[in-house]
Amino acid sequence: MRNSVQVTNMKKISLLFSLLLLPGLHAIAVKAESIATIKARGEFNICVHNNALPFSKRESASGLHIDLAQLIAAELNVSLKLSWVNLPRYAKYVKCDAYMGVPIFPDEDEGFLKKTKPYTQIEILAISNANRQLKSIDDFDGLRVATISSSLIHMALLKRDVEIFVAFRNDLEIIDALINGDVDVAIAANAYWGFYKKTNPQAVADFHSQSTEYLNSLNGYPLGIGFRKADKATVTEANAILDRLEERGDLTKLLDKYGMEPVK
């Protein structure tokens, strides 16, 4: 029973994050293609969000998900198609083959979405001035904290003497609020903090991140690639491609470009 509750809690933690990364994840399933069909078609079609750096951005056609998909398309010797989808109801119309970032939970029923091995780990962090130590929930009392609305950490802090700010569209805006002095602590995913440090190295010099495990023991999850309506052969070949990218150092180099790390 305890394991079941833990998995449920983990899914709640990642819900908002995954909705941002995977706008079509909960859309009505339509038949997608196997790796063999993708090769025959000569095109790998992925669903990507318009504005979700470090994962994707339409204006520059850049981001971790796009770059990773390009590497996979090259391994398959096919072209890459980007299907820009912000809302779940639109995903069914573009018939994309894959989402490049899906949470992976233990013992879950994948359903129509077949997932690869994880290639990175998402963790929720508490970011603050380097002189501030946040070792327990008591250390948040009296502070101004920015977080995503309705997250489990938000719910936990509602019970404390904390001034909470939730009017943010994404984690980068939350980190901005911290850097600008509007709040004392930013609750954000490591992916966004790593990217922020890469793009604003001087601004973050006086700040550091700490684990939020004491707020919720399941404060993260592995991230993999999700293939829609795929077969086992598709996932097997995709995993083999990830293995090759890892062995050559391409995956580590790509993750580092966006301030992220491979699964340890």
Protein backbone atom coordinates (compact mmCIF):
# COMPACT_ATOMS: atom_id res chain seq x y z
CA MET A 1 0.00 0.00 0.00
CA ARG A 2 2.82 2.41 0.89
CA ASN A 3 4.47 1.95 -2.52
CA SER A 4 1.16 2.67 -4.22
CA VAL A 5 0.76 5.90 -2.25
CA GLN A 6 4.34 6.92 -3.08
CA VAL A 7 3.80 6.45 -6.81
CA THR A 8 0.56 8.44 -6.62
CA ASN A 9 2.36 11.27 -4.84
CA MET A 10 5.16 11.23 -7.40
CA LYS A 11 2.63 11.54 -10.20
CA LYS A 12 1.09 14.55 -8.47
CA ILE A 13 4.50 16.19 -8.16
CA SER A 14 5.21 15.85 -11.86
CA LEU A 15 1.73 16.66 -13.17
CA LEU A 16 2.19 20.37 -13.85
CA PHE A 17 5.76 19.86 -15.02
CA SER A 18 4.79 17.10 -17.44
CA LEU A 19 1.84 19.11 -18.78
CA LEU A 20 4.28 21.85 -19.73
CA LEU A 21 6.73 19.49 -21.39
CA LEU A 22 4.21 17.13 -22.91
CA PRO A 23 1.22 19.09 -24.08
CA GLY A 24 -0.28 16.08 -25.85
CA LEU A 25 0.35 13.44 -23.22
CA HIS A 26 -3.26 13.25 -22.10
CA ALA A 27 -4.81 13.72 -25.52
CA ILE A 28 -6.97 11.12 -27.21
CA ALA A 29 -4.74 8.38 -28.55
CA VAL A 30 -4.38 8.01 -32.30
CA LYS A 31 -2.40 5.39 -34.11
CA ALA A 32 1.25 6.34 -34.36
CA GLU A 33 4.05 4.60 -36.17
CA SER A 34 6.71 2.04 -35.31
CA ILE A 35 10.41 2.68 -35.87
CA ALA A 36 10.20 0.63 -39.07
CA THR A 37 7.41 2.83 -40.40
CA ILE A 38 9.23 6.00 -39.34
CA LYS A 39 12.25 4.83 -41.35
CA ALA A 40 10.10 3.98 -44.35
CA ARG A 41 8.37 7.35 -44.15
CA GLY A 42 11.72 9.10 -43.78
CA GLU A 43 10.51 11.42 -41.02
CA PHE A 44 10.51 11.48 -37.22
CA ASN A 45 7.63 13.64 -35.96
CA ILE A 46 7.75 14.90 -32.36
CA CYS A 47 5.32 16.97 -30.29
CA VAL A 48 6.99 20.02 -28.75
CA HIS A 49 5.83 22.99 -26.69
CA ASN A 50 6.08 26.48 -28.18
CA ASN A 51 7.81 28.07 -25.20
CA ALA A 52 9.33 25.72 -22.63
CA LEU A 53 13.08 26.33 -22.50
CA PRO A 54 15.37 24.60 -21.76
CA PHE A 55 13.31 21.92 -23.50
CA SER A 56 11.93 23.75 -26.53
CA LYS A 57 11.33 27.18 -28.01
CA ARG A 58 9.59 27.79 -31.32
CA GLU A 59 11.21 31.14 -32.16
CA SER A 60 14.68 29.62 -32.29
CA ALA A 61 13.62 26.01 -32.95
CA SER A 62 15.96 25.04 -30.14
CA GLY A 63 15.99 23.21 -26.84
CA LEU A 64 17.01 19.90 -25.31
CA HIS A 65 14.06 17.97 -26.72
CA ILE A 66 14.66 19.25 -30.24
CA ASP A 67 18.40 18.64 -30.15
CA LEU A 68 17.92 15.13 -28.77
CA ALA A 69 15.31 14.37 -31.42
CA GLN A 70 17.75 15.57 -34.09
CA LEU A 71 20.37 13.13 -32.83
CA ILE A 72 17.85 10.29 -32.91
CA ALA A 73 16.64 11.26 -36.39
CA ALA A 74 20.25 11.22 -37.60
CA GLU A 75 20.72 7.72 -36.15
CA LEU A 76 17.58 6.61 -38.01
CA ASN A 77 18.72 8.42 -41.17
CA VAL A 78 15.44 10.35 -41.40
CA SER A 79 14.42 14.01 -41.24
CA LEU A 80 12.92 15.64 -38.16
CA LYS A 81 9.47 17.22 -38.07
CA LEU A 82 8.51 19.54 -35.20
CA SER A 83 4.81 19.61 -34.34
CA TRP A 84 4.24 22.62 -32.08
CA VAL A 85 1.44 21.85 -29.63
CA ASN A 86 0.58 23.81 -26.49
CA LEU A 87 -2.75 22.29 -25.50
CA PRO A 88 -3.63 18.60 -25.11
CA ARG A 89 -6.68 18.75 -27.38
CA TYR A 90 -4.53 19.68 -30.38
CA ALA A 91 -2.04 16.81 -30.14
CA LYS A 92 -4.38 14.30 -31.75
CA TYR A 93 -4.35 16.30 -34.99
CA VAL A 94 -0.59 16.33 -35.55
CA LYS A 95 -0.09 12.57 -35.02
CA CYS A 96 3.40 12.91 -33.62
CA ASP A 97 5.50 9.80 -33.07
CA ALA A 98 6.97 10.75 -29.72
CA TYR A 99 7.26 13.10 -26.78
CA MET A 100 10.90 13.72 -25.92
CA GLY A 101 10.37 14.07 -22.18
CA VAL A 102 7.99 11.89 -20.15
CA PRO A 103 8.11 11.05 -16.43
CA ILE A 104 8.90 7.41 -15.68
CA PHE A 105 7.24 5.90 -12.61
CA PRO A 106 7.96 2.48 -11.08
CA ASP A 107 5.48 -0.31 -11.86
CA GLU A 108 3.22 1.94 -13.92
CA ASP A 109 0.90 0.82 -16.69
CA GLU A 110 2.25 2.62 -19.75
CA GLY A 111 -0.96 2.25 -21.75
CA PHE A 112 -0.63 3.65 -25.27
CA LEU A 113 2.62 5.45 -24.43
CA LYS A 114 5.72 3.24 -24.56
CA LYS A 115 8.71 4.70 -22.73
CA THR A 116 12.45 4.39 -23.17
CA LYS A 117 15.05 4.15 -20.45
CA PRO A 118 15.57 7.46 -18.62
CA TYR A 119 18.19 9.85 -19.94
CA THR A 120 18.06 12.47 -17.17
CA GLN A 121 16.56 13.06 -13.73
CA ILE A 122 14.16 15.80 -12.68
CA GLU A 123 14.45 17.05 -9.10
CA ILE A 124 12.60 19.85 -7.34
CA LEU A 125 15.00 22.25 -5.59
CA ALA A 126 14.86 25.06 -3.07
CA ILE A 127 17.02 27.90 -4.42
CA SER A 128 18.14 30.76 -2.20
CA ASN A 129 21.00 33.05 -1.26
CA ALA A 130 24.12 30.97 -0.66
CA ASN A 131 24.18 32.02 3.00
CA ARG A 132 20.71 30.61 3.68
CA GLN A 133 20.46 26.99 4.81
CA LEU A 134 17.14 25.20 4.34
CA LYS A 135 17.47 21.87 6.11
CA SER A 136 13.89 21.45 7.32
CA ILE A 137 10.44 22.88 6.71
CA ASP A 138 10.87 25.00 9.85
CA ASP A 139 13.56 26.99 8.05
CA PHE A 140 10.92 28.37 5.65
CA ASP A 141 8.97 30.14 8.41
CA GLY A 142 8.93 33.91 7.94
CA LEU A 143 10.25 33.72 4.37
CA ARG A 144 8.82 34.75 1.01
CA VAL A 145 8.64 31.68 -1.23
CA ALA A 146 7.86 31.42 -4.95
CA THR A 147 6.49 28.12 -6.21
CA ILE A 148 4.14 26.58 -8.75
CA SER A 149 0.52 26.82 -7.66
CA SER A 150 -1.12 23.65 -6.30
CA SER A 151 2.12 21.67 -6.16
CA LEU A 152 2.66 19.37 -3.19
CA ILE A 153 5.29 21.74 -1.84
CA HIS A 154 2.82 24.61 -2.16
CA MET A 155 0.32 22.58 -0.14
CA ALA A 156 2.92 21.82 2.53
CA LEU A 157 3.92 25.47 2.89
CA LEU A 158 0.30 26.61 3.26
CA LYS A 159 0.43 25.14 6.76
CA ARG A 160 3.42 27.27 7.71
CA ASP A 161 4.08 30.93 8.50
CA VAL A 162 5.26 31.55 4.93
CA GLU A 163 4.38 34.26 2.41
CA ILE A 164 3.74 32.30 -0.78
CA PHE A 165 3.88 33.66 -4.34
CA VAL A 166 2.40 31.56 -7.16
CA ALA A 167 1.64 33.99 -10.02
CA PHE A 168 4.24 32.54 -12.38
CA ARG A 169 3.97 30.88 -15.79
CA ASN A 170 7.06 28.72 -15.37
CA ASP A 171 10.08 27.96 -13.22
CA LEU A 172 12.30 30.48 -15.02
CA GLU A 173 9.98 33.27 -13.87
CA ILE A 174 10.13 31.86 -10.35
CA ILE A 175 13.93 32.00 -10.42
CA ASP A 176 13.78 35.53 -11.83
CA ALA A 177 11.71 36.58 -8.80
CA LEU A 178 14.46 35.27 -6.52
CA ILE A 179 17.31 36.90 -8.43
CA ASN A 180 15.43 40.22 -8.50
CA GLY A 181 14.93 40.13 -4.73
CA ASP A 182 11.15 39.74 -4.82
CA VAL A 183 11.26 36.48 -2.82
CA ASP A 184 13.69 34.72 -0.50
CA VAL A 185 13.32 31.20 -1.89
CA ALA A 186 12.46 29.82 -5.32
CA ILE A 187 11.06 26.30 -5.65
CA ALA A 188 12.03 25.10 -9.13
CA ALA A 189 13.09 22.02 -11.05
CA ASN A 190 16.79 21.33 -11.49
CA ALA A 191 16.38 21.50 -15.28
CA TYR A 192 15.37 25.15 -15.11
CA TRP A 193 17.95 26.05 -12.46
CA GLY A 194 20.72 24.42 -14.48
CA PHE A 195 19.65 26.27 -17.61
CA TYR A 196 19.38 29.56 -15.73
CA LYS A 197 22.93 29.14 -14.43
CA LYS A 198 24.17 28.43 -17.95
CA THR A 199 22.54 31.53 -19.41
CA ASN A 200 23.00 33.90 -16.44
CA PRO A 201 26.26 32.86 -14.76
CA GLN A 202 27.00 36.22 -13.12
CA ALA A 203 23.45 36.71 -11.82
CA VAL A 204 23.44 33.41 -9.93
CA ALA A 205 26.90 33.70 -8.36
CA ASP A 206 25.51 34.40 -4.88
CA PHE A 207 22.81 31.71 -4.95
CA HIS A 208 22.71 27.97 -4.39
CA SER A 209 20.23 25.10 -4.53
CA GLN A 210 19.25 22.55 -1.90
CA SER A 211 17.14 19.42 -1.88
CA THR A 212 13.45 19.60 -0.98
CA GLU A 213 13.27 15.97 0.08
CA TYR A 214 12.30 16.96 3.62
CA LEU A 215 9.21 18.67 2.17
CA ASN A 216 8.28 15.60 0.17
CA SER A 217 10.38 12.44 -0.06
CA LEU A 218 9.35 11.89 -3.69
CA ASN A 219 10.60 15.20 -5.04
CA GLY A 220 11.71 14.00 -8.46
CA TYR A 221 11.47 11.42 -11.20
CA PRO A 222 13.45 10.06 -14.18
CA LEU A 223 12.72 11.48 -17.64
CA GLY A 224 12.63 9.38 -20.81
CA ILE A 225 11.16 9.44 -24.32
CA GLY A 226 7.55 8.39 -24.86
CA PHE A 227 6.51 6.77 -28.15
CA ARG A 228 2.81 6.86 -28.92
CA LYS A 229 1.15 3.54 -29.79
CA ALA A 230 4.56 1.98 -30.32
CA ASP A 231 5.69 -1.63 -30.10
CA LYS A 232 8.50 -3.18 -28.07
CA ALA A 233 10.82 -3.14 -31.08
CA THR A 234 10.51 0.65 -31.24
CA VAL A 235 11.50 1.09 -27.60
CA THR A 236 14.31 -1.45 -27.94
CA GLU A 237 15.83 0.41 -30.88
CA ALA A 238 15.35 3.79 -29.22
CA ASN A 239 17.13 2.50 -26.11
CA ALA A 240 19.97 1.22 -28.30
CA ILE A 241 20.27 4.69 -29.83
CA LEU A 242 20.38 6.29 -26.38
CA ASP A 243 23.10 3.80 -25.42
CA ARG A 244 25.17 4.77 -28.45
CA LEU A 245 24.71 8.48 -27.76
CA GLU A 246 25.81 7.89 -24.19
CA GLU A 247 28.84 5.80 -25.17
CA ARG A 248 30.02 8.45 -27.64
CA GLY A 249 29.54 11.21 -25.08
CA ASP A 250 26.96 12.97 -27.25
CA LEU A 251 24.20 12.66 -24.66
CA THR A 252 26.31 14.04 -21.80
CA LYS A 253 27.50 16.91 -24.01
CA LEU A 254 23.93 17.73 -25.02
CA LEU A 255 22.60 17.68 -21.46
CA ASP A 256 25.49 19.84 -20.29
CA LYS A 257 24.65 22.39 -22.99
CA TYR A 258 21.36 23.01 -21.18
CA GLY A 259 22.70 22.71 -17.64
CA MET A 260 21.47 19.18 -17.03
CA GLU A 261 23.10 15.84 -16.20
CA PRO A 262 22.60 12.23 -17.34
CA VAL A 263 21.04 9.67 -15.04
CA LYS A 264 23.59 8.55 -12.46
